[in-house]
Amino acid sequence: MARVGIAGNTSWGTTLAILAARSGHDVTIWARRPDDASLLQAARRNDRFLPGLDFPDGLTVTASTDEAFGRADLALIAVPSSSVVQNSNAIARSLPGGTIVISATKGIDQATGNRMSQIAGTALGRADIGALSGPNLALEIAEGKPATTTVAHVDESAAIAVQGILNSSVFRVYTSSDLVGVELGGALKNIIAIGAGFIDGYGLGNNGKSAFVTRGLAEITRLGVAMGARAETFAGLSGMGDLVATCYSDLSRNRYVGQQLAKGRSAAEIVGGMDQVAEGVMTTRAAVAVADSLGVDMPIASVTRAVLAGELDPQSAVEGLMRRTPVSETESPR
């Protein structure tokens, strides 16, 4: 039995906690606000994000970082990208040096272009932060439906240890040494999911959507490789796998943003009305800035950024992409 501390009473943080507790581990969710911790611990469920799903035995909720992380074998950070620094700073003093730390947040920092493991690592004063990413729609997993994910770490033994803790008969965990690729696949696919939502919102059909998703994969792979990832990682669970799930599921928050943009709503209105974070909105801006600095061609991300900023309507964005000069499918400009 392992001791697992989880930062974040989000839908994903709670799902990871439920998974680990169902496997017999001693799991503690840390909630920043004492009122939230008390409510969740008393209710034994998180009805805000996972209604009707009871917490397993072995799962507790606390507002104390010492209780959650002081003796943890594994710490998972599952909070919105905008609060990774704040949460990491809060738990830093309680984390033992030997605790394996894994980021389960999908995003890119807007100010620096850094990945979430880098952002958390800076706040924690550690350079050994891993990442977990894959086609992981939280509600389906919490309901016990089969799913897979990838744990990436520069230390193979750490990745294997996390695999051993989280793997189960309904949640198959793979390992990877390509930390950059696993993180970027999970972050960048949200940009393409917004565009997939445009297409669904306008009823443009499966041919167009399939082409869009495929070209989107090529585009995010280009940027990933330029940032130090391995191209083959984007053909795996954290790339193509996550991309397919996010572009096609009704549970996808980023796809929902695209659908609502197609109805004429502004990005600010859509995001303001959501109870959870659609990371693709912020990631799009960050990714375009990084791509520009590296000279990487990202037409889909660029027009998506323009739509989110209110500079271009979704219909014109789709038409503009279709009118681009045809090129070789496999030889795109950097």
Protein backbone atom coordinates (compact mmCIF):
# COMPACT_ATOMS: atom_id res chain seq x y z
CA MET A 1 0.00 0.00 0.00
CA ALA A 2 1.29 3.45 -0.94
CA ARG A 3 0.52 6.83 0.59
CA VAL A 4 -0.76 9.23 -2.08
CA GLY A 5 -1.32 12.96 -1.67
CA ILE A 6 -3.28 14.87 -4.30
CA ALA A 7 -3.32 18.63 -4.74
CA GLY A 8 -6.66 19.57 -6.22
CA ASN A 9 -10.28 18.70 -5.49
CA THR A 10 -10.96 19.17 -9.21
CA SER A 11 -12.78 16.55 -11.27
CA TRP A 12 -9.45 15.05 -12.36
CA GLY A 13 -7.83 15.27 -8.94
CA THR A 14 -10.83 13.59 -7.34
CA THR A 15 -10.88 10.92 -10.05
CA LEU A 16 -7.22 10.08 -9.52
CA ALA A 17 -7.88 9.90 -5.79
CA ILE A 18 -10.80 7.52 -6.31
CA LEU A 19 -8.72 5.33 -8.62
CA ALA A 20 -5.86 5.03 -6.16
CA ALA A 21 -8.15 4.43 -3.19
CA ARG A 22 -10.06 1.72 -5.05
CA SER A 23 -6.72 -0.05 -5.49
CA GLY A 24 -6.22 -0.10 -1.73
CA HIS A 25 -3.86 2.85 -1.29
CA ASP A 26 -4.02 5.43 1.49
CA VAL A 27 -5.12 8.57 -0.37
CA THR A 28 -5.54 12.15 0.82
CA ILE A 29 -6.90 15.03 -1.26
CA TRP A 30 -5.61 18.42 -0.20
CA ALA A 31 -8.14 21.24 -0.64
CA ARG A 32 -6.83 24.78 -0.28
CA ARG A 33 -9.99 26.05 1.43
CA PRO A 34 -10.86 24.50 4.80
CA ASP A 35 -14.59 24.84 4.08
CA ASP A 36 -14.21 22.75 0.92
CA ALA A 37 -12.21 20.11 2.77
CA SER A 38 -14.80 19.86 5.54
CA LEU A 39 -17.69 19.65 3.08
CA LEU A 40 -16.08 16.95 0.95
CA GLN A 41 -14.95 14.91 3.92
CA ALA A 42 -18.44 15.03 5.47
CA ALA A 43 -20.30 14.28 2.22
CA ARG A 44 -17.85 11.55 1.13
CA ARG A 45 -18.37 12.61 -2.48
CA ASN A 46 -17.60 15.55 -4.80
CA ASP A 47 -21.04 16.38 -6.13
CA ARG A 48 -19.82 19.55 -7.83
CA PHE A 49 -17.67 17.63 -10.32
CA LEU A 50 -18.55 13.94 -9.94
CA PRO A 51 -22.16 13.82 -8.73
CA GLY A 52 -23.41 10.60 -7.21
CA LEU A 53 -20.01 8.91 -6.89
CA ASP A 54 -19.11 7.98 -3.32
CA PHE A 55 -15.53 8.09 -2.08
CA PRO A 56 -13.97 4.67 -1.45
CA ASP A 57 -12.66 3.70 1.97
CA GLY A 58 -9.13 4.95 2.36
CA LEU A 59 -9.79 8.35 0.76
CA THR A 60 -9.82 11.41 3.00
CA VAL A 61 -9.88 15.15 2.37
CA THR A 62 -7.96 17.72 4.39
CA ALA A 63 -6.87 21.34 4.29
CA SER A 64 -3.55 20.45 5.93
CA THR A 65 -0.58 20.07 3.61
CA ASP A 66 1.27 18.12 6.30
CA GLU A 67 -1.55 15.57 6.53
CA ALA A 68 -1.77 15.20 2.76
CA PHE A 69 1.90 15.19 1.81
CA GLY A 70 4.03 14.85 4.93
CA ARG A 71 4.51 11.08 4.51
CA ALA A 72 3.44 10.71 0.86
CA ASP A 73 5.16 8.24 -1.44
CA LEU A 74 3.48 9.92 -4.42
CA ALA A 75 2.19 13.48 -4.84
CA LEU A 76 -0.08 14.31 -7.77
CA ILE A 77 -0.73 17.91 -8.80
CA ALA A 78 -4.11 18.10 -10.52
CA VAL A 79 -5.11 21.76 -10.52
CA PRO A 80 -5.78 24.32 -13.28
CA SER A 81 -2.60 25.52 -14.99
CA SER A 82 -3.17 29.05 -13.70
CA SER A 83 -2.89 27.88 -10.08
CA VAL A 84 0.00 25.40 -10.35
CA VAL A 85 2.48 27.89 -8.88
CA GLN A 86 0.21 28.84 -5.99
CA ASN A 87 -0.55 25.22 -5.12
CA SER A 88 3.04 24.06 -5.50
CA ASN A 89 4.28 26.87 -3.26
CA ALA A 90 1.72 25.86 -0.63
CA ILE A 91 2.75 22.20 -0.50
CA ALA A 92 6.50 22.67 -0.90
CA ARG A 93 7.36 22.80 2.81
CA SER A 94 5.45 19.58 3.52
CA LEU A 95 6.90 17.40 0.76
CA PRO A 96 9.65 14.96 1.79
CA GLY A 97 12.61 14.88 -0.56
CA GLY A 98 11.94 11.27 -1.56
CA THR A 99 8.32 11.80 -2.62
CA ILE A 100 7.70 11.24 -6.33
CA VAL A 101 5.89 14.27 -7.74
CA ILE A 102 3.77 14.04 -10.88
CA SER A 103 1.98 16.86 -12.69
CA ALA A 104 -1.46 15.87 -13.96
CA THR A 105 -2.18 19.35 -15.33
CA LYS A 106 -2.34 19.95 -19.09
CA GLY A 107 -1.20 23.38 -20.14
CA ILE A 108 1.61 25.75 -21.12
CA ASP A 109 2.55 28.78 -19.05
CA GLN A 110 1.63 31.98 -20.90
CA ALA A 111 4.42 34.08 -19.44
CA THR A 112 7.32 31.69 -20.03
CA GLY A 113 6.12 29.02 -22.47
CA ASN A 114 7.20 26.40 -19.96
CA ARG A 115 5.49 23.07 -19.36
CA MET A 116 3.62 22.39 -16.13
CA SER A 117 6.30 20.06 -14.73
CA GLN A 118 8.79 22.88 -15.16
CA ILE A 119 6.47 25.40 -13.50
CA ALA A 120 5.79 23.08 -10.56
CA GLY A 121 9.47 22.15 -10.31
CA THR A 122 10.55 25.77 -10.01
CA ALA A 123 8.00 26.40 -7.26
CA LEU A 124 8.96 23.22 -5.41
CA GLY A 125 12.69 23.72 -5.87
CA ARG A 126 13.03 20.37 -7.64
CA ALA A 127 14.03 19.33 -11.15
CA ASP A 128 12.58 15.82 -11.02
CA ILE A 129 8.87 16.38 -11.63
CA GLY A 130 7.13 13.90 -13.93
CA ALA A 131 3.83 14.06 -15.80
CA LEU A 132 0.72 11.99 -16.37
CA SER A 133 -1.30 12.44 -19.55
CA GLY A 134 -3.56 10.52 -21.90
CA PRO A 135 -7.14 10.16 -23.16
CA ASN A 136 -8.54 10.70 -19.70
CA LEU A 137 -12.10 12.02 -19.46
CA ALA A 138 -12.53 12.19 -15.70
CA LEU A 139 -16.19 11.24 -15.37
CA GLU A 140 -15.86 8.08 -17.46
CA ILE A 141 -12.87 6.94 -15.43
CA ALA A 142 -14.52 7.68 -12.09
CA GLU A 143 -17.50 5.63 -13.24
CA GLY A 144 -15.17 2.66 -13.72
CA LYS A 145 -15.06 2.65 -17.51
CA PRO A 146 -11.77 1.36 -18.99
CA ALA A 147 -9.08 3.90 -19.82
CA THR A 148 -5.34 4.24 -20.28
CA THR A 149 -2.74 6.88 -19.55
CA THR A 150 1.00 7.51 -19.75
CA VAL A 151 3.35 8.44 -16.92
CA ALA A 152 6.52 10.17 -18.06
CA HIS A 153 9.60 10.80 -15.95
CA VAL A 154 13.28 11.30 -16.58
CA ASP A 155 13.90 8.60 -13.97
CA GLU A 156 12.54 5.31 -15.29
CA SER A 157 12.30 3.81 -11.81
CA ALA A 158 10.06 6.67 -10.70
CA ALA A 159 7.76 6.16 -13.68
CA ILE A 160 7.56 2.43 -12.95
CA ALA A 161 6.76 3.15 -9.29
CA VAL A 162 3.86 5.43 -10.27
CA GLN A 163 2.69 2.85 -12.78
CA GLY A 164 2.57 0.28 -10.00
CA ILE A 165 0.47 2.53 -7.78
CA LEU A 166 -2.08 3.70 -10.35
CA ASN A 167 -2.41 0.72 -12.70
CA SER A 168 -5.57 -1.36 -12.26
CA SER A 169 -7.94 -3.63 -14.16
CA VAL A 170 -9.79 -0.56 -15.49
CA PHE A 171 -6.95 1.97 -15.71
CA ARG A 172 -3.94 0.76 -17.70
CA VAL A 173 -0.81 2.83 -17.12
CA TYR A 174 2.10 2.97 -19.57
CA THR A 175 5.48 4.62 -18.98
CA SER A 176 7.57 6.93 -21.13
CA SER A 177 10.93 8.65 -20.89
CA ASP A 178 9.76 11.46 -23.21
CA LEU A 179 8.54 13.91 -20.58
CA VAL A 180 8.47 16.81 -23.05
CA GLY A 181 6.37 14.92 -25.59
CA VAL A 182 3.90 13.50 -23.10
CA GLU A 183 3.27 16.90 -21.56
CA LEU A 184 3.01 18.77 -24.85
CA GLY A 185 0.68 16.21 -26.40
CA GLY A 186 -1.76 16.66 -23.54
CA ALA A 187 -1.53 20.44 -23.65
CA LEU A 188 -1.51 21.14 -27.38
CA LYS A 189 -4.36 18.79 -28.35
CA ASN A 190 -6.74 21.17 -26.55
CA ILE A 191 -6.11 23.75 -29.27
CA ILE A 192 -7.25 21.31 -31.93
CA ALA A 193 -10.27 20.34 -29.84
CA ILE A 194 -11.51 23.93 -29.94
CA GLY A 195 -11.33 23.84 -33.74
CA ALA A 196 -13.10 20.47 -33.80
CA GLY A 197 -15.87 22.14 -31.83
CA PHE A 198 -16.11 24.85 -34.52
CA ILE A 199 -16.64 22.14 -37.12
CA ASP A 200 -19.28 20.34 -35.08
CA GLY A 201 -21.02 23.61 -34.27
CA TYR A 202 -21.30 24.49 -37.94
CA GLY A 203 -22.26 20.96 -38.97
CA LEU A 204 -19.42 20.72 -41.49
CA GLY A 205 -19.35 16.93 -41.51
CA ASN A 206 -17.07 14.03 -40.69
CA ASN A 207 -14.78 14.38 -43.72
CA GLY A 208 -13.84 17.90 -42.76
CA LYS A 209 -13.45 17.06 -39.10
CA SER A 210 -11.29 14.01 -39.76
CA ALA A 211 -9.01 16.04 -42.02
CA PHE A 212 -8.85 18.83 -39.46
CA VAL A 213 -7.93 16.52 -36.59
CA THR A 214 -5.28 14.76 -38.69
CA ARG A 215 -3.67 18.00 -39.80
CA GLY A 216 -3.93 19.25 -36.24
CA LEU A 217 -1.90 16.28 -35.08
CA ALA A 218 0.78 17.08 -37.67
CA GLU A 219 0.85 20.68 -36.47
CA ILE A 220 1.22 19.98 -32.77
CA THR A 221 3.85 17.35 -33.53
CA ARG A 222 5.91 19.98 -35.40
CA LEU A 223 5.89 22.29 -32.41
CA GLY A 224 6.56 19.45 -30.00
CA VAL A 225 9.64 18.31 -31.91
CA ALA A 226 10.91 21.88 -32.06
CA MET A 227 10.54 22.05 -28.27
CA GLY A 228 12.52 18.85 -27.75
CA ALA A 229 9.91 16.09 -27.90
CA ARG A 230 10.11 12.87 -29.90
CA ALA A 231 7.76 12.74 -32.89
CA GLU A 232 6.62 9.17 -32.15
CA THR A 233 5.23 10.23 -28.78
CA PHE A 234 2.51 12.18 -30.57
CA ALA A 235 1.31 8.97 -32.22
CA GLY A 236 0.72 7.49 -28.76
CA LEU A 237 -1.78 7.84 -25.94
CA SER A 238 -0.75 11.32 -24.83
CA GLY A 239 -0.85 12.60 -28.42
CA MET A 240 -3.25 10.97 -30.84
CA GLY A 241 -5.13 9.11 -28.11
CA ASP A 242 -5.89 12.23 -26.12
CA LEU A 243 -6.56 14.21 -29.29
CA VAL A 244 -9.27 11.79 -30.46
CA ALA A 245 -10.97 11.68 -27.06
CA THR A 246 -10.99 15.44 -26.68
CA CYS A 247 -12.10 16.23 -30.22
CA TYR A 248 -15.01 13.79 -30.23
CA SER A 249 -16.41 13.52 -26.71
CA ASP A 250 -19.37 15.47 -25.39
CA LEU A 251 -17.46 15.60 -22.09
CA SER A 252 -14.69 17.69 -23.67
CA ARG A 253 -14.63 21.22 -22.30
CA ASN A 254 -12.42 22.52 -25.11
CA ARG A 255 -14.66 21.06 -27.81
CA TYR A 256 -17.58 22.74 -26.03
CA VAL A 257 -15.81 26.11 -26.29
CA GLY A 258 -15.51 25.66 -30.06
CA GLN A 259 -19.17 24.67 -30.40
CA GLN A 260 -20.25 27.74 -28.49
CA LEU A 261 -18.00 30.02 -30.53
CA ALA A 262 -19.75 28.68 -33.63
CA LYS A 263 -23.01 29.94 -32.13
CA GLY A 264 -21.64 33.47 -32.01
CA ARG A 265 -20.74 33.67 -28.33
CA SER A 266 -17.49 35.35 -27.29
CA ALA A 267 -14.69 33.43 -25.63
CA ALA A 268 -15.00 35.58 -22.51
CA GLU A 269 -18.73 34.83 -22.23
CA ILE A 270 -18.21 31.10 -22.72
CA VAL A 271 -15.34 30.76 -20.26
CA GLY A 272 -17.10 32.95 -17.71
CA GLY A 273 -20.10 30.63 -17.73
CA MET A 274 -18.13 27.40 -17.25
CA ASP A 275 -17.72 25.68 -13.88
CA GLN A 276 -14.46 24.04 -14.98
CA VAL A 277 -11.42 25.28 -16.90
CA ALA A 278 -11.00 24.83 -20.65
CA GLU A 279 -7.19 24.85 -20.73
CA GLY A 280 -7.06 25.20 -24.52
CA VAL A 281 -8.04 28.86 -24.36
CA MET A 282 -4.87 29.89 -22.54
CA THR A 283 -2.73 27.21 -24.16
CA THR A 284 -3.56 28.51 -27.64
CA ARG A 285 -2.11 31.92 -26.89
CA ALA A 286 0.96 30.46 -25.25
CA ALA A 287 1.59 27.93 -28.02
CA VAL A 288 1.34 30.50 -30.80
CA ALA A 289 3.86 32.71 -29.00
CA VAL A 290 6.27 29.79 -28.59
CA ALA A 291 5.77 28.71 -32.22
CA ASP A 292 6.49 32.23 -33.44
CA SER A 293 9.68 32.37 -31.39
CA LEU A 294 10.84 29.03 -32.84
CA GLY A 295 9.73 29.72 -36.42
CA VAL A 296 7.23 26.84 -36.44
CA ASP A 297 4.28 27.04 -38.83
CA MET A 298 0.98 26.54 -36.93
CA PRO A 299 -1.91 27.75 -39.10
CA ILE A 300 -4.64 26.02 -37.06
CA ALA A 301 -3.38 27.38 -33.75
CA SER A 302 -2.92 30.84 -35.25
CA VAL A 303 -6.47 31.16 -36.56
CA THR A 304 -7.84 29.64 -33.34
CA ARG A 305 -6.02 32.33 -31.37
CA ALA A 306 -7.53 34.98 -33.63
CA VAL A 307 -11.04 33.57 -33.13
CA LEU A 308 -10.62 33.43 -29.35
CA ALA A 309 -9.42 37.04 -29.39
CA GLY A 310 -12.46 38.15 -31.40
CA GLU A 311 -10.32 39.10 -34.38
CA LEU A 312 -11.83 36.47 -36.71
CA ASP A 313 -15.13 34.60 -36.84
CA PRO A 314 -15.01 30.78 -36.85
CA GLN A 315 -16.55 30.43 -40.30
CA SER A 316 -13.89 32.69 -41.84
CA ALA A 317 -11.23 30.76 -39.94
CA VAL A 318 -12.32 27.46 -41.51
CA GLU A 319 -12.59 29.01 -44.97
CA GLY A 320 -9.14 30.57 -44.61
CA LEU A 321 -7.57 27.24 -43.71
CA MET A 322 -9.19 25.59 -46.73
CA ARG A 323 -7.87 28.30 -49.07
CA ARG A 324 -4.25 27.91 -48.00
CA THR A 325 -1.83 26.97 -50.76
CA PRO A 326 -1.66 23.15 -51.02
CA VAL A 327 1.62 21.60 -49.91
CA SER A 328 3.11 18.15 -49.44
CA GLU A 329 1.33 16.27 -46.67
CA THR A 330 4.55 15.08 -45.08
CA GLU A 331 6.85 18.02 -45.70
CA SER A 332 5.50 21.08 -43.90
CA PRO A 333 7.58 24.17 -43.17
CA ARG A 334 9.05 24.49 -39.70
